[in-house]
């Protein structure tokens, strides 16, 4: 009798809110899919829970056939976070900038060419991340240091004397 009563309580808990709401939301997405032709990819989609009991999570996952995702996750290459972004989370940004620099054959680029690459390509990578959240000050300083080394010495490991002041190079157009 006790186990039957707990099963009834559990069923009421599932039906009174969260699972029914998720089912309704999923039905809306299905109608949208039929109307637009766009379909959610179950292989790359995941569900993220916050403050939901494990039993309810399991029922929702069974209902929708998606996998459970873990926080923090990456969306469009940028880590999602409810808190201020940490230096460790910004490592992919630094790696992406360094990857771009090392992929260019710098010995064939003039100073003006490197300046254009810094202003147009590398700055755009940083802006993409900065649109999502405020970057820590020391990350911005490290990025600028990488840009300076690339611009002045064609190599991110060496540093030569500047031909033009960094402040003049970074002036608005």
N, C-alpha and C. Protein backbone atom coordinates (compact mmCIF):
# COMPACT_ATOMS: atom_id res chain seq x y z
N UNK A 1 0.82 -1.19 0.00
CA UNK A 1 0.00 0.00 0.00
C UNK A 1 0.87 1.26 0.00
N UNK A 2 1.97 1.22 0.79
CA UNK A 2 2.85 2.39 0.89
C UNK A 2 3.54 2.69 -0.44
N UNK A 3 4.01 1.64 -1.12
CA UNK A 3 4.68 1.86 -2.40
C UNK A 3 3.70 2.34 -3.46
N UNK A 4 2.46 1.86 -3.38
CA UNK A 4 1.43 2.29 -4.33
C UNK A 4 1.11 3.76 -4.11
N UNK A 5 1.06 4.19 -2.85
CA UNK A 5 0.78 5.58 -2.51
C UNK A 5 1.91 6.49 -2.99
N UNK A 6 3.18 6.06 -2.81
CA UNK A 6 4.30 6.87 -3.27
C UNK A 6 4.32 6.95 -4.79
N UNK A 7 3.91 5.87 -5.47
CA UNK A 7 3.84 5.88 -6.92
C UNK A 7 2.77 6.88 -7.39
N UNK A 8 1.64 6.93 -6.71
CA UNK A 8 0.58 7.87 -7.06
C UNK A 8 1.05 9.29 -6.84
N UNK A 9 1.75 9.55 -5.72
CA UNK A 9 2.28 10.90 -5.45
C UNK A 9 3.27 11.31 -6.54
N UNK A 10 4.15 10.38 -6.90
CA UNK A 10 5.14 10.66 -7.93
C UNK A 10 4.45 10.97 -9.26
N UNK A 11 3.43 10.22 -9.61
CA UNK A 11 2.71 10.44 -10.86
C UNK A 11 2.03 11.80 -10.86
N UNK A 12 1.42 12.18 -9.71
CA UNK A 12 0.78 13.49 -9.63
C UNK A 12 1.80 14.60 -9.78
N UNK A 13 2.97 14.41 -9.14
CA UNK A 13 4.02 15.41 -9.24
C UNK A 13 4.46 15.58 -10.69
N UNK A 14 4.60 14.47 -11.40
CA UNK A 14 5.01 14.54 -12.80
C UNK A 14 3.95 15.22 -13.66
N UNK A 15 2.70 14.90 -13.40
CA UNK A 15 1.62 15.43 -14.23
C UNK A 15 1.24 16.86 -13.91
N UNK A 16 1.52 17.32 -12.69
CA UNK A 16 0.99 18.63 -12.33
C UNK A 16 1.77 19.79 -12.92
N UNK A 17 2.91 19.56 -13.53
CA UNK A 17 3.59 20.73 -14.02
C UNK A 17 4.63 20.50 -15.07
N UNK A 18 5.78 20.11 -14.63
CA UNK A 18 6.96 20.19 -15.48
C UNK A 18 6.89 19.30 -16.72
N UNK A 19 6.54 18.06 -16.56
CA UNK A 19 6.51 17.16 -17.72
C UNK A 19 5.41 17.58 -18.69
N UNK A 20 4.27 17.95 -18.16
CA UNK A 20 3.17 18.39 -19.02
C UNK A 20 3.55 19.67 -19.77
N UNK A 21 4.22 20.57 -19.10
CA UNK A 21 4.66 21.81 -19.75
C UNK A 21 5.67 21.51 -20.85
N UNK A 22 6.64 20.64 -20.56
CA UNK A 22 7.65 20.29 -21.55
C UNK A 22 7.01 19.59 -22.74
N UNK A 23 6.04 18.71 -22.49
CA UNK A 23 5.33 18.03 -23.57
C UNK A 23 4.60 19.04 -24.44
N UNK A 24 3.96 20.02 -23.83
CA UNK A 24 3.25 21.07 -24.58
C UNK A 24 4.23 21.89 -25.42
N UNK A 25 5.36 22.23 -24.83
CA UNK A 25 6.39 23.00 -25.54
C UNK A 25 6.94 22.18 -26.72
N UNK A 26 7.15 20.90 -26.51
CA UNK A 26 7.63 20.02 -27.58
C UNK A 26 6.61 19.93 -28.71
N UNK A 27 5.33 19.86 -28.36
CA UNK A 27 4.28 19.83 -29.38
C UNK A 27 4.29 21.11 -30.21
N UNK A 28 4.54 22.24 -29.56
CA UNK A 28 4.63 23.52 -30.29
C UNK A 28 5.81 23.49 -31.27
N UNK A 29 6.95 22.97 -30.81
CA UNK A 29 8.09 22.85 -31.70
C UNK A 29 7.80 21.92 -32.87
N UNK A 30 7.06 20.86 -32.63
CA UNK A 30 6.69 19.94 -33.71
C UNK A 30 5.82 20.63 -34.74
N UNK A 31 4.86 21.44 -34.28
CA UNK A 31 4.02 22.19 -35.23
C UNK A 31 4.86 23.18 -36.02
N UNK A 32 5.80 23.84 -35.34
CA UNK A 32 6.71 24.76 -36.03
C UNK A 32 7.52 24.00 -37.08
N UNK A 33 8.01 22.81 -36.72
CA UNK A 33 8.80 22.00 -37.66
C UNK A 33 8.00 21.64 -38.90
N UNK A 34 6.74 21.26 -38.70
CA UNK A 34 5.90 20.91 -39.84
C UNK A 34 5.64 22.12 -40.73
N UNK A 35 5.46 23.28 -40.11
CA UNK A 35 5.16 24.48 -40.90
C UNK A 35 6.39 25.02 -41.62
N UNK A 36 7.56 24.94 -40.98
CA UNK A 36 8.75 25.56 -41.55
C UNK A 36 9.67 24.59 -42.27
N UNK A 37 9.56 23.32 -41.96
CA UNK A 37 10.46 22.34 -42.54
C UNK A 37 11.77 22.22 -41.77
N UNK A 38 11.93 22.99 -40.70
CA UNK A 38 13.13 22.93 -39.86
C UNK A 38 12.91 21.88 -38.77
N UNK A 39 13.89 21.03 -38.57
CA UNK A 39 13.75 19.95 -37.59
C UNK A 39 14.93 19.99 -36.64
N UNK A 40 14.67 19.81 -35.35
CA UNK A 40 15.75 19.77 -34.36
C UNK A 40 16.56 18.49 -34.56
N UNK A 41 17.86 18.62 -34.53
CA UNK A 41 18.75 17.47 -34.68
C UNK A 41 18.95 16.84 -33.31
N UNK A 42 18.38 15.66 -33.10
CA UNK A 42 18.48 14.99 -31.80
C UNK A 42 19.92 14.60 -31.48
N UNK A 43 20.74 14.43 -32.50
CA UNK A 43 22.14 14.05 -32.28
C UNK A 43 22.98 15.17 -31.72
N UNK A 44 22.65 16.41 -32.03
CA UNK A 44 23.45 17.54 -31.56
C UNK A 44 22.71 18.39 -30.53
N UNK A 45 21.46 18.08 -30.27
CA UNK A 45 20.68 18.85 -29.30
C UNK A 45 20.74 18.19 -27.93
N UNK A 46 20.62 18.99 -26.90
CA UNK A 46 20.61 18.46 -25.55
C UNK A 46 19.70 19.31 -24.67
N UNK A 47 19.34 18.75 -23.52
CA UNK A 47 18.48 19.45 -22.57
C UNK A 47 19.32 19.74 -21.33
N UNK A 48 19.19 20.96 -20.81
CA UNK A 48 19.91 21.37 -19.61
C UNK A 48 18.88 21.65 -18.52
N UNK A 49 19.09 21.07 -17.37
CA UNK A 49 18.16 21.20 -16.26
C UNK A 49 18.76 22.06 -15.16
N UNK A 50 17.90 22.75 -14.47
CA UNK A 50 18.30 23.51 -13.29
C UNK A 50 17.23 23.40 -12.24
N UNK A 51 17.53 22.78 -11.11
CA UNK A 51 16.58 22.66 -10.01
C UNK A 51 15.43 21.71 -10.29
N UNK A 52 15.63 20.71 -11.12
CA UNK A 52 14.59 19.74 -11.46
C UNK A 52 14.99 18.40 -10.85
N UNK A 53 14.06 17.73 -10.19
CA UNK A 53 14.34 16.45 -9.56
C UNK A 53 14.73 15.42 -10.61
N UNK A 54 15.56 14.48 -10.18
CA UNK A 54 16.07 13.45 -11.10
C UNK A 54 14.95 12.63 -11.73
N UNK A 55 13.90 12.32 -10.97
CA UNK A 55 12.80 11.51 -11.54
C UNK A 55 12.11 12.27 -12.66
N UNK A 56 11.91 13.55 -12.46
CA UNK A 56 11.27 14.36 -13.50
C UNK A 56 12.20 14.50 -14.70
N UNK A 57 13.51 14.68 -14.44
CA UNK A 57 14.47 14.76 -15.54
C UNK A 57 14.41 13.50 -16.40
N UNK A 58 14.39 12.35 -15.76
CA UNK A 58 14.36 11.08 -16.50
C UNK A 58 13.11 10.97 -17.37
N UNK A 59 11.96 11.38 -16.82
CA UNK A 59 10.72 11.32 -17.61
C UNK A 59 10.76 12.29 -18.80
N UNK A 60 11.30 13.46 -18.58
CA UNK A 60 11.40 14.44 -19.68
C UNK A 60 12.35 13.91 -20.76
N UNK A 61 13.48 13.35 -20.35
CA UNK A 61 14.43 12.80 -21.32
C UNK A 61 13.83 11.64 -22.11
N UNK A 62 13.04 10.79 -21.45
CA UNK A 62 12.36 9.69 -22.14
C UNK A 62 11.32 10.22 -23.12
N UNK A 63 10.63 11.25 -22.73
CA UNK A 63 9.56 11.82 -23.55
C UNK A 63 10.13 12.45 -24.83
N UNK A 64 11.23 13.20 -24.70
CA UNK A 64 11.73 13.98 -25.83
C UNK A 64 12.82 13.28 -26.63
N UNK A 65 13.45 12.26 -26.08
CA UNK A 65 14.51 11.51 -26.77
C UNK A 65 15.75 12.36 -27.05
N UNK A 66 16.02 13.33 -26.19
CA UNK A 66 17.25 14.11 -26.27
C UNK A 66 18.18 13.65 -25.15
N UNK A 67 19.46 13.99 -25.26
CA UNK A 67 20.40 13.65 -24.21
C UNK A 67 20.48 14.80 -23.20
N UNK A 68 20.93 14.46 -22.01
CA UNK A 68 21.07 15.47 -20.97
C UNK A 68 22.41 16.17 -21.14
N UNK A 69 22.39 17.49 -21.22
CA UNK A 69 23.61 18.28 -21.35
C UNK A 69 24.11 18.73 -20.00
N UNK A 70 25.38 19.09 -19.95
CA UNK A 70 26.00 19.57 -18.72
C UNK A 70 26.41 21.03 -18.89
N UNK A 71 26.35 21.77 -17.82
CA UNK A 71 26.78 23.16 -17.82
C UNK A 71 28.23 23.23 -17.39
N UNK A 72 29.03 24.14 -17.86
CA UNK A 72 28.73 25.06 -18.96
C UNK A 72 28.87 24.35 -20.30
N UNK A 73 28.15 24.82 -21.29
CA UNK A 73 28.23 24.25 -22.63
C UNK A 73 28.65 25.36 -23.58
N UNK A 74 28.97 24.97 -24.81
CA UNK A 74 29.42 25.94 -25.81
C UNK A 74 28.32 26.11 -26.85
N UNK A 75 28.05 27.36 -27.20
CA UNK A 75 27.08 27.67 -28.25
C UNK A 75 27.77 28.58 -29.25
N UNK A 76 27.83 28.17 -30.50
CA UNK A 76 28.52 28.89 -31.57
C UNK A 76 29.97 29.16 -31.21
N UNK A 77 30.59 28.21 -30.51
CA UNK A 77 32.00 28.32 -30.16
C UNK A 77 32.29 29.13 -28.92
N UNK A 78 31.27 29.70 -28.30
CA UNK A 78 31.46 30.53 -27.12
C UNK A 78 30.89 29.81 -25.92
N UNK A 79 31.65 29.71 -24.82
CA UNK A 79 31.11 29.03 -23.64
C UNK A 79 29.96 29.83 -23.02
N UNK A 80 28.92 29.12 -22.63
CA UNK A 80 27.81 29.79 -21.96
C UNK A 80 28.04 29.72 -20.46
N UNK A 81 27.72 30.76 -19.79
CA UNK A 81 27.93 30.80 -18.35
C UNK A 81 26.97 31.80 -17.74
N UNK A 82 26.49 31.48 -16.54
CA UNK A 82 25.62 32.41 -15.84
C UNK A 82 26.44 33.37 -14.99
N UNK A 83 27.71 33.06 -14.83
CA UNK A 83 28.61 33.90 -14.05
C UNK A 83 29.54 34.64 -14.98
N UNK A 84 30.36 35.46 -14.39
CA UNK A 84 31.38 36.16 -15.15
C UNK A 84 32.33 35.15 -15.77
N UNK A 85 32.72 35.37 -17.00
CA UNK A 85 33.58 34.42 -17.70
C UNK A 85 34.97 34.42 -17.05
N UNK A 86 35.52 33.22 -16.89
CA UNK A 86 36.83 33.09 -16.25
C UNK A 86 37.94 33.10 -17.29
N UNK A 87 39.16 33.21 -16.81
CA UNK A 87 40.32 33.21 -17.69
C UNK A 87 40.44 31.86 -18.39
N UNK A 88 40.14 30.79 -17.68
CA UNK A 88 40.22 29.44 -18.26
C UNK A 88 39.21 29.30 -19.40
N UNK A 89 38.01 29.87 -19.24
CA UNK A 89 37.00 29.79 -20.29
C UNK A 89 37.39 30.59 -21.52
N UNK A 90 38.29 31.55 -21.37
CA UNK A 90 38.73 32.38 -22.51
C UNK A 90 39.90 31.77 -23.25
N UNK A 91 40.43 30.66 -22.78
CA UNK A 91 41.54 30.01 -23.47
C UNK A 91 41.22 29.67 -24.92
N UNK A 92 40.01 29.18 -25.26
CA UNK A 92 39.72 28.93 -26.69
C UNK A 92 39.80 30.19 -27.54
N UNK A 93 39.49 31.36 -26.98
CA UNK A 93 39.62 32.61 -27.72
C UNK A 93 41.09 32.89 -28.04
N UNK A 94 41.94 32.75 -27.04
CA UNK A 94 43.39 32.96 -27.24
C UNK A 94 43.91 31.94 -28.25
N UNK A 95 43.49 30.68 -28.10
CA UNK A 95 43.94 29.63 -29.02
C UNK A 95 43.50 29.91 -30.45
N UNK A 96 42.28 30.42 -30.62
CA UNK A 96 41.78 30.72 -31.96
C UNK A 96 42.59 31.84 -32.61
N UNK A 97 42.90 32.88 -31.83
CA UNK A 97 43.70 33.99 -32.36
C UNK A 97 45.09 33.50 -32.73
N UNK A 98 45.71 32.72 -31.83
CA UNK A 98 47.05 32.19 -32.13
C UNK A 98 47.02 31.25 -33.33
N UNK A 99 45.95 30.47 -33.45
CA UNK A 99 45.82 29.57 -34.60
C UNK A 99 45.74 30.32 -35.91
N UNK A 100 45.00 31.41 -35.91
CA UNK A 100 44.92 32.23 -37.13
C UNK A 100 46.28 32.80 -37.49
N UNK A 101 46.97 33.32 -36.49
CA UNK A 101 48.27 33.95 -36.75
C UNK A 101 49.26 32.91 -37.30
N UNK A 102 49.30 31.75 -36.69
CA UNK A 102 50.27 30.74 -37.15
C UNK A 102 49.90 30.16 -38.51
N UNK A 103 48.64 30.26 -38.91
CA UNK A 103 48.26 29.72 -40.22
C UNK A 103 48.64 30.66 -41.37
N UNK A 104 48.87 31.93 -41.06
CA UNK A 104 49.27 32.87 -42.11
C UNK A 104 50.77 32.76 -42.35
N UNK A 105 51.17 32.80 -43.59
CA UNK A 105 52.60 32.83 -43.89
C UNK A 105 53.06 34.26 -43.78
N UNK A 106 53.62 34.58 -42.62
CA UNK A 106 53.91 35.98 -42.29
C UNK A 106 55.12 36.55 -43.01
N UNK A 107 56.03 35.70 -43.49
CA UNK A 107 57.20 36.31 -44.13
C UNK A 107 56.86 36.96 -45.45
N UNK A 108 55.70 36.68 -46.02
CA UNK A 108 55.29 37.30 -47.26
C UNK A 108 54.34 38.47 -47.04
N UNK A 109 54.07 38.79 -45.79
CA UNK A 109 53.15 39.88 -45.48
C UNK A 109 53.92 41.12 -45.08
N UNK A 110 53.52 42.25 -45.63
CA UNK A 110 54.13 43.51 -45.23
C UNK A 110 53.53 43.97 -43.90
N UNK A 111 54.12 45.01 -43.37
CA UNK A 111 53.62 45.59 -42.13
C UNK A 111 52.16 46.04 -42.31
N UNK A 112 51.85 46.65 -43.44
CA UNK A 112 50.48 47.12 -43.71
C UNK A 112 49.51 45.93 -43.82
N UNK A 113 49.98 44.85 -44.42
CA UNK A 113 49.13 43.64 -44.52
C UNK A 113 48.82 43.08 -43.14
N UNK A 114 49.85 43.00 -42.30
CA UNK A 114 49.64 42.49 -40.94
C UNK A 114 48.71 43.42 -40.16
N UNK A 115 48.84 44.72 -40.37
CA UNK A 115 47.95 45.68 -39.69
C UNK A 115 46.50 45.46 -40.11
N UNK A 116 46.29 45.19 -41.40
CA UNK A 116 44.93 44.92 -41.89
C UNK A 116 44.38 43.63 -41.28
N UNK A 117 45.21 42.61 -41.19
CA UNK A 117 44.77 41.35 -40.59
C UNK A 117 44.40 41.53 -39.12
N UNK A 118 45.19 42.31 -38.39
CA UNK A 118 44.88 42.57 -36.98
C UNK A 118 43.56 43.32 -36.87
N UNK A 119 43.42 44.39 -37.65
CA UNK A 119 42.21 45.22 -37.56
C UNK A 119 40.95 44.52 -38.04
N UNK A 120 41.05 43.71 -39.08
CA UNK A 120 39.85 43.14 -39.68
C UNK A 120 39.53 41.71 -39.23
N UNK A 121 40.52 40.87 -39.09
CA UNK A 121 40.27 39.47 -38.77
C UNK A 121 40.37 39.21 -37.27
N UNK A 122 41.50 39.54 -36.69
CA UNK A 122 41.71 39.22 -35.27
C UNK A 122 40.79 40.04 -34.36
N UNK A 123 40.58 41.29 -34.70
CA UNK A 123 39.68 42.11 -33.90
C UNK A 123 38.24 41.59 -33.99
N UNK A 124 37.85 41.07 -35.15
CA UNK A 124 36.50 40.51 -35.31
C UNK A 124 36.29 39.28 -34.44
N UNK A 125 37.34 38.46 -34.28
CA UNK A 125 37.23 37.29 -33.41
C UNK A 125 36.97 37.73 -31.97
N UNK A 126 37.71 38.74 -31.53
CA UNK A 126 37.51 39.24 -30.16
C UNK A 126 36.13 39.87 -30.00
N UNK A 127 35.68 40.60 -30.98
CA UNK A 127 34.36 41.26 -30.91
C UNK A 127 33.25 40.23 -30.82
N UNK A 128 33.39 39.12 -31.55
CA UNK A 128 32.38 38.06 -31.50
C UNK A 128 32.20 37.57 -30.07
N UNK A 129 33.31 37.35 -29.36
CA UNK A 129 33.23 36.91 -27.96
C UNK A 129 32.72 38.04 -27.07
N UNK A 130 33.16 39.25 -27.33
CA UNK A 130 32.79 40.39 -26.48
C UNK A 130 31.30 40.74 -26.60
N UNK A 131 30.65 40.32 -27.68
CA UNK A 131 29.20 40.55 -27.80
C UNK A 131 28.42 39.69 -26.83
N UNK A 132 29.00 38.56 -26.44
CA UNK A 132 28.31 37.62 -25.56
C UNK A 132 28.49 38.01 -24.09
N UNK A 133 29.69 38.36 -23.68
CA UNK A 133 29.95 38.75 -22.30
C UNK A 133 31.19 39.63 -22.23
N UNK A 134 31.33 40.30 -21.10
CA UNK A 134 32.48 41.17 -20.89
C UNK A 134 33.72 40.32 -20.64
N UNK A 135 34.75 40.55 -21.43
CA UNK A 135 35.99 39.81 -21.27
C UNK A 135 36.79 40.38 -20.10
N UNK A 136 37.47 39.51 -19.34
CA UNK A 136 38.32 40.02 -18.26
C UNK A 136 39.42 40.93 -18.80
N UNK A 137 39.80 41.90 -18.00
CA UNK A 137 40.78 42.89 -18.42
C UNK A 137 42.11 42.25 -18.79
N UNK A 138 42.55 41.25 -18.02
CA UNK A 138 43.84 40.63 -18.33
C UNK A 138 43.79 39.80 -19.62
N UNK A 139 42.63 39.29 -20.00
CA UNK A 139 42.49 38.59 -21.29
C UNK A 139 42.62 39.59 -22.43
N UNK A 140 41.98 40.74 -22.29
CA UNK A 140 42.09 41.78 -23.33
C UNK A 140 43.54 42.23 -23.46
N UNK A 141 44.23 42.39 -22.33
CA UNK A 141 45.65 42.79 -22.37
C UNK A 141 46.50 41.71 -23.04
N UNK A 142 46.21 40.44 -22.77
CA UNK A 142 46.96 39.35 -23.40
C UNK A 142 46.70 39.31 -24.91
N UNK A 143 45.45 39.52 -25.31
CA UNK A 143 45.11 39.54 -26.74
C UNK A 143 45.85 40.68 -27.44
N UNK A 144 45.83 41.87 -26.83
CA UNK A 144 46.54 43.01 -27.43
C UNK A 144 48.04 42.76 -27.50
N UNK A 145 48.57 42.08 -26.51
CA UNK A 145 49.99 41.74 -26.52
C UNK A 145 50.31 40.80 -27.68
N UNK A 146 49.45 39.83 -27.92
CA UNK A 146 49.64 38.91 -29.04
C UNK A 146 49.57 39.69 -30.36
N UNK A 147 48.59 40.58 -30.48
CA UNK A 147 48.45 41.38 -31.70
C UNK A 147 49.70 42.23 -31.94
N UNK A 148 50.20 42.86 -30.88
CA UNK A 148 51.38 43.71 -31.01
C UNK A 148 52.58 42.90 -31.49
N UNK A 149 52.80 41.74 -30.86
CA UNK A 149 53.95 40.91 -31.26
C UNK A 149 53.82 40.47 -32.72
N UNK A 150 52.62 40.09 -33.15
CA UNK A 150 52.41 39.69 -34.54
C UNK A 150 52.65 40.86 -35.48
N UNK A 151 52.12 42.00 -35.13
CA UNK A 151 52.23 43.18 -36.00
C UNK A 151 53.66 43.65 -36.14
N UNK A 152 54.39 43.66 -35.05
CA UNK A 152 55.72 44.24 -35.06
C UNK A 152 56.80 43.28 -35.50
N UNK A 153 56.65 41.99 -35.22
CA UNK A 153 57.76 41.09 -35.46
C UNK A 153 57.43 39.90 -36.35
N UNK A 154 56.21 39.84 -36.89
CA UNK A 154 55.77 38.74 -37.74
C UNK A 154 55.73 37.42 -36.98
N UNK A 155 55.91 37.44 -35.68
CA UNK A 155 55.96 36.23 -34.88
C UNK A 155 55.40 36.58 -33.50
N UNK A 156 54.61 35.71 -32.93
CA UNK A 156 54.02 36.02 -31.62
C UNK A 156 54.99 35.75 -30.48
N UNK A 157 56.15 35.15 -30.79
CA UNK A 157 57.12 34.85 -29.73
C UNK A 157 58.13 35.96 -29.53
N UNK A 158 58.40 36.74 -30.57
CA UNK A 158 59.41 37.79 -30.51
C UNK A 158 58.74 39.16 -30.46
N UNK A 159 59.50 40.15 -30.03
CA UNK A 159 58.97 41.51 -30.02
C UNK A 159 60.07 42.46 -30.49
N UNK A 160 59.75 43.25 -31.50
CA UNK A 160 60.68 44.26 -32.01
C UNK A 160 60.19 45.64 -31.59
N UNK A 161 60.97 46.63 -31.92
CA UNK A 161 60.59 48.02 -31.61
C UNK A 161 59.47 48.44 -32.55
N UNK A 162 58.50 49.15 -32.00
CA UNK A 162 57.32 49.55 -32.77
C UNK A 162 57.65 50.61 -33.80
N UNK A 163 57.06 50.48 -34.97
CA UNK A 163 57.19 51.49 -36.02
C UNK A 163 56.15 52.59 -35.87
N UNK A 164 55.04 52.27 -35.19
CA UNK A 164 53.96 53.23 -34.97
C UNK A 164 53.37 52.93 -33.59
N UNK A 165 52.91 53.96 -32.92
CA UNK A 165 52.36 53.77 -31.58
C UNK A 165 51.08 52.93 -31.65
N UNK A 166 50.93 52.02 -30.70
CA UNK A 166 49.77 51.13 -30.65
C UNK A 166 48.48 51.94 -30.54
N UNK A 167 48.49 53.02 -29.80
CA UNK A 167 47.30 53.87 -29.64
C UNK A 167 46.89 54.50 -30.97
N UNK A 168 47.86 54.87 -31.81
CA UNK A 168 47.52 55.42 -33.12
C UNK A 168 46.93 54.36 -34.03
N UNK A 169 47.46 53.14 -33.94
CA UNK A 169 46.96 52.05 -34.78
C UNK A 169 45.52 51.70 -34.41
N UNK A 170 45.18 51.81 -33.13
CA UNK A 170 43.85 51.42 -32.64
C UNK A 170 42.84 52.55 -32.65
N UNK A 171 43.19 53.68 -33.24
CA UNK A 171 42.22 54.81 -33.31
C UNK A 171 41.03 54.42 -34.15
N UNK A 172 39.84 54.93 -33.81
CA UNK A 172 38.64 54.66 -34.63
C UNK A 172 38.84 55.19 -36.05
N UNK A 173 38.23 54.53 -37.00
CA UNK A 173 38.37 54.94 -38.40
C UNK A 173 37.46 56.09 -38.71
